[in-house]
N, C-alpha and C. Protein backbone atom coordinates (compact mmCIF):
# COMPACT_ATOMS: atom_id res chain seq x y z
N LEU A 1 79.31 15.46 104.97
CA LEU A 1 78.31 15.08 106.58
C LEU A 1 78.23 15.76 107.60
N GLN A 2 77.28 16.17 108.14
CA GLN A 2 76.93 17.03 109.14
C GLN A 2 76.26 16.50 110.33
N TYR A 3 76.62 16.93 111.78
CA TYR A 3 75.62 16.91 112.45
C TYR A 3 74.94 17.52 112.83
N ASN A 4 73.53 17.49 112.87
CA ASN A 4 72.90 18.54 113.40
C ASN A 4 71.78 18.45 114.43
N TYR A 5 71.51 19.17 115.56
CA TYR A 5 70.63 19.08 116.07
C TYR A 5 68.79 20.00 116.24
N ASP A 6 68.32 19.49 116.66
CA ASP A 6 67.29 20.38 117.58
C ASP A 6 66.29 19.75 118.96
N HIS A 7 66.30 21.47 119.37
CA HIS A 7 65.95 20.70 120.59
C HIS A 7 64.47 21.25 121.08
N THR A 8 64.03 21.61 122.22
CA THR A 8 62.70 21.76 122.88
C THR A 8 63.25 21.78 124.13
N PHE A 9 61.76 22.81 124.82
CA PHE A 9 62.38 23.30 126.46
C PHE A 9 63.21 21.76 127.11
N PHE A 10 62.03 20.68 126.52
CA PHE A 10 62.71 19.61 127.55
C PHE A 10 63.61 19.00 126.82
N ASP A 11 64.05 18.35 125.55
CA ASP A 11 64.91 17.20 125.30
C ASP A 11 65.46 18.51 123.98
N VAL A 12 66.55 17.57 123.93
CA VAL A 12 67.38 17.66 122.63
C VAL A 12 68.20 16.47 121.28
N SER A 13 67.30 16.39 119.62
CA SER A 13 68.72 16.15 118.52
C SER A 13 69.29 15.89 118.55
N ILE A 14 69.96 15.26 118.51
CA ILE A 14 71.20 14.60 117.59
C ILE A 14 70.91 13.91 116.80
N PHE A 15 71.43 14.88 115.53
CA PHE A 15 71.09 13.37 114.27
C PHE A 15 72.47 13.86 113.29
N LEU A 16 72.51 12.87 112.11
CA LEU A 16 72.61 13.61 111.27
C LEU A 16 72.30 13.75 109.22
N GLU A 17 72.71 14.61 109.08
CA GLU A 17 72.53 14.73 107.76
C GLU A 17 73.73 14.67 106.87
N SER A 18 73.44 14.60 105.34
CA SER A 18 74.38 14.45 104.70
C SER A 18 73.45 14.24 102.87
N ASP A 19 73.83 14.72 101.70
CA ASP A 19 73.74 14.54 101.05
C ASP A 19 74.17 12.71 99.94
N PHE A 20 74.15 12.46 100.82
CA PHE A 20 74.70 10.68 100.45
C PHE A 20 73.58 9.93 101.09
N ASP A 21 73.56 8.73 101.71
CA ASP A 21 73.10 7.43 101.78
C ASP A 21 73.70 7.00 102.94
N LEU A 22 73.25 7.30 104.36
CA LEU A 22 73.87 7.76 105.78
C LEU A 22 73.85 5.40 106.11
N GLY A 23 73.70 4.82 105.74
CA GLY A 23 73.91 3.45 105.66
C GLY A 23 75.20 3.42 104.72
N LEU A 24 76.11 3.78 104.29
CA LEU A 24 77.64 3.87 103.58
C LEU A 24 78.46 3.58 104.73
N LEU A 25 78.32 4.92 106.35
CA LEU A 25 78.94 5.14 107.07
C LEU A 25 79.50 3.96 107.71
N GLY A 26 80.54 4.25 108.29
CA GLY A 26 81.07 3.12 109.09
C GLY A 26 80.34 3.50 110.96
N PRO A 27 81.43 2.55 111.94
CA PRO A 27 81.02 3.26 113.16
C PRO A 27 82.14 4.33 113.68
N GLY A 28 83.01 4.50 112.30
CA GLY A 28 83.65 5.70 113.24
C GLY A 28 83.38 7.14 112.86
N ASP A 29 81.85 7.24 111.89
CA ASP A 29 81.15 8.25 112.06
C ASP A 29 80.19 8.42 113.10
N THR A 30 79.49 6.95 113.74
CA THR A 30 78.83 7.36 113.93
C THR A 30 78.98 6.57 115.80
N ASP A 31 79.87 6.27 115.80
CA ASP A 31 80.32 5.15 117.11
C ASP A 31 80.99 6.51 118.02
N ASN A 32 80.72 5.98 119.66
CA ASN A 32 81.69 7.13 120.47
C ASN A 32 82.12 8.19 120.13
N GLN A 33 81.13 8.84 119.33
CA GLN A 33 80.98 10.31 119.27
C GLN A 33 80.81 11.25 120.84
N VAL A 34 81.02 12.28 121.19
CA VAL A 34 81.42 12.83 121.92
C VAL A 34 80.24 14.52 121.70
N PHE A 35 79.68 14.69 122.12
CA PHE A 35 78.96 15.78 122.03
C PHE A 35 78.53 17.25 123.10
N ARG A 36 78.97 18.26 123.17
CA ARG A 36 79.46 18.98 124.71
C ARG A 36 78.12 20.70 123.98
N ILE A 37 76.78 20.23 125.61
CA ILE A 37 75.94 20.89 124.84
C ILE A 37 75.34 21.91 126.21
N ALA A 38 75.25 23.01 126.08
CA ALA A 38 75.25 23.96 127.10
C ALA A 38 73.44 24.08 127.10
N ILE A 39 73.23 24.99 128.79
CA ILE A 39 72.07 25.41 128.76
C ILE A 39 72.34 26.70 129.49
N VAL A 40 71.69 27.48 128.66
CA VAL A 40 72.00 28.61 129.02
C VAL A 40 71.74 29.21 129.47
N PRO A 41 71.02 29.96 131.09
CA PRO A 41 69.45 30.68 131.47
C PRO A 41 68.94 31.45 130.58
N ALA A 42 68.50 32.31 130.23
CA ALA A 42 67.88 33.04 129.92
C ALA A 42 68.28 34.32 129.45
N GLU A 43 68.45 34.75 131.09
CA GLU A 43 69.04 36.22 131.26
C GLU A 43 71.02 36.51 130.58
N TYR A 44 70.75 35.03 129.70
CA TYR A 44 72.51 36.11 129.47
C TYR A 44 72.27 35.77 128.00
N GLY A 45 71.06 35.03 126.99
CA GLY A 45 70.57 34.55 126.39
C GLY A 45 70.75 36.16 125.06
N GLN A 46 71.04 37.01 125.62
CA GLN A 46 70.14 38.86 125.15
C GLN A 46 70.93 39.42 125.56
N GLY A 47 71.48 40.41 126.63
CA GLY A 47 72.83 40.76 127.23
C GLY A 47 74.22 40.39 126.94
N ALA A 48 74.10 39.94 127.11
CA ALA A 48 75.69 39.77 127.89
C ALA A 48 76.67 38.78 125.97
N ARG A 49 77.89 39.29 126.46
CA ARG A 49 79.02 39.09 125.04
C ARG A 49 79.72 38.28 125.82
N PHE A 50 79.48 36.98 124.71
CA PHE A 50 80.48 35.68 124.67
C PHE A 50 79.74 35.63 123.53
N ASP A 51 81.39 34.27 123.03
CA ASP A 51 81.21 33.44 122.54
C ASP A 51 80.52 32.34 122.22
N ARG A 52 79.44 32.25 122.11
CA ARG A 52 78.72 30.59 121.77
C ARG A 52 78.92 29.60 121.50
N SER A 53 80.16 29.71 120.65
CA SER A 53 80.03 28.42 119.93
C SER A 53 81.81 28.21 120.81
N ASN A 54 82.18 28.78 121.71
CA ASN A 54 83.46 28.71 122.34
C ASN A 54 82.72 28.38 124.10
N MET A 55 82.72 26.68 124.60
CA MET A 55 82.67 26.20 125.62
C MET A 55 83.61 26.88 126.44
N GLN A 56 84.68 26.49 126.38
CA GLN A 56 85.09 27.76 127.99
C GLN A 56 85.16 29.15 128.29
N GLN A 57 84.65 30.29 126.69
CA GLN A 57 83.80 31.33 127.73
C GLN A 57 82.27 30.45 127.71
N VAL A 58 81.03 29.85 127.80
CA VAL A 58 80.75 29.76 128.37
C VAL A 58 80.56 29.17 129.98
N MET A 59 80.80 28.33 129.91
CA MET A 59 81.48 28.17 131.84
C MET A 59 81.88 28.84 132.16
N ASP A 60 82.81 29.73 131.89
CA ASP A 60 83.58 30.71 132.79
C ASP A 60 82.55 32.32 133.06
N LEU A 61 81.58 32.26 131.69
CA LEU A 61 80.39 33.28 132.43
C LEU A 61 78.75 32.59 133.11
N LEU A 62 79.29 30.92 132.92
CA LEU A 62 78.11 30.96 134.13
C LEU A 62 79.42 29.97 135.51
N ASN A 63 80.22 30.56 135.58
CA ASN A 63 80.96 29.50 136.91
C ASN A 63 80.51 28.08 136.78
N VAL A 64 81.12 27.45 135.30
CA VAL A 64 81.14 25.89 135.73
C VAL A 64 82.63 25.65 135.51
N GLU A 65 82.73 24.20 135.73
CA GLU A 65 84.16 24.24 135.40
C GLU A 65 83.84 22.28 135.20
N GLU A 66 85.08 22.15 134.63
CA GLU A 66 84.52 20.40 133.51
C GLU A 66 84.10 19.28 135.02
N LYS A 67 84.82 19.60 135.41
CA LYS A 67 84.03 18.71 136.61
C LYS A 67 83.07 18.68 137.40
N ASP A 68 81.92 19.88 137.07
CA ASP A 68 81.01 20.21 137.09
C ASP A 68 79.93 19.55 136.43
N ILE A 69 80.06 19.23 134.88
CA ILE A 69 79.10 18.32 133.87
C ILE A 69 79.41 17.82 133.94
N SER A 70 77.89 17.49 133.84
CA SER A 70 77.42 15.17 133.84
C SER A 70 78.04 15.25 132.78
N ARG A 71 78.62 13.94 132.79
CA ARG A 71 78.79 12.96 131.44
C ARG A 71 76.94 12.33 131.05
N ILE A 72 76.90 12.15 130.19
CA ILE A 72 76.14 10.80 130.22
C ILE A 72 75.93 9.87 128.93
N ILE A 73 76.13 8.53 129.29
CA ILE A 73 76.63 7.73 127.85
C ILE A 73 74.95 7.49 127.46
N LEU A 74 75.26 7.49 125.78
CA LEU A 74 73.60 6.45 125.24
C LEU A 74 73.95 5.39 124.98
N ASP A 75 73.48 4.69 124.75
CA ASP A 75 73.37 2.61 123.86
C ASP A 75 72.89 2.85 123.42
């Protein structure tokens, strides 16, 4: 089981991929999941040295604090 994503300039889609029937999954695998998505300006994409898999480093680079992050709940 793997959560994966696709994105465009306008949106992000998060979806599940697996080598088995996704209908067999319980709510623990699909409900109330939290995803952290960072939109990084292009000028940081090429020359900046930071670990893109480390959310704290990304937040430090962008001078963003946890309280500044919007939380979006989807039903």
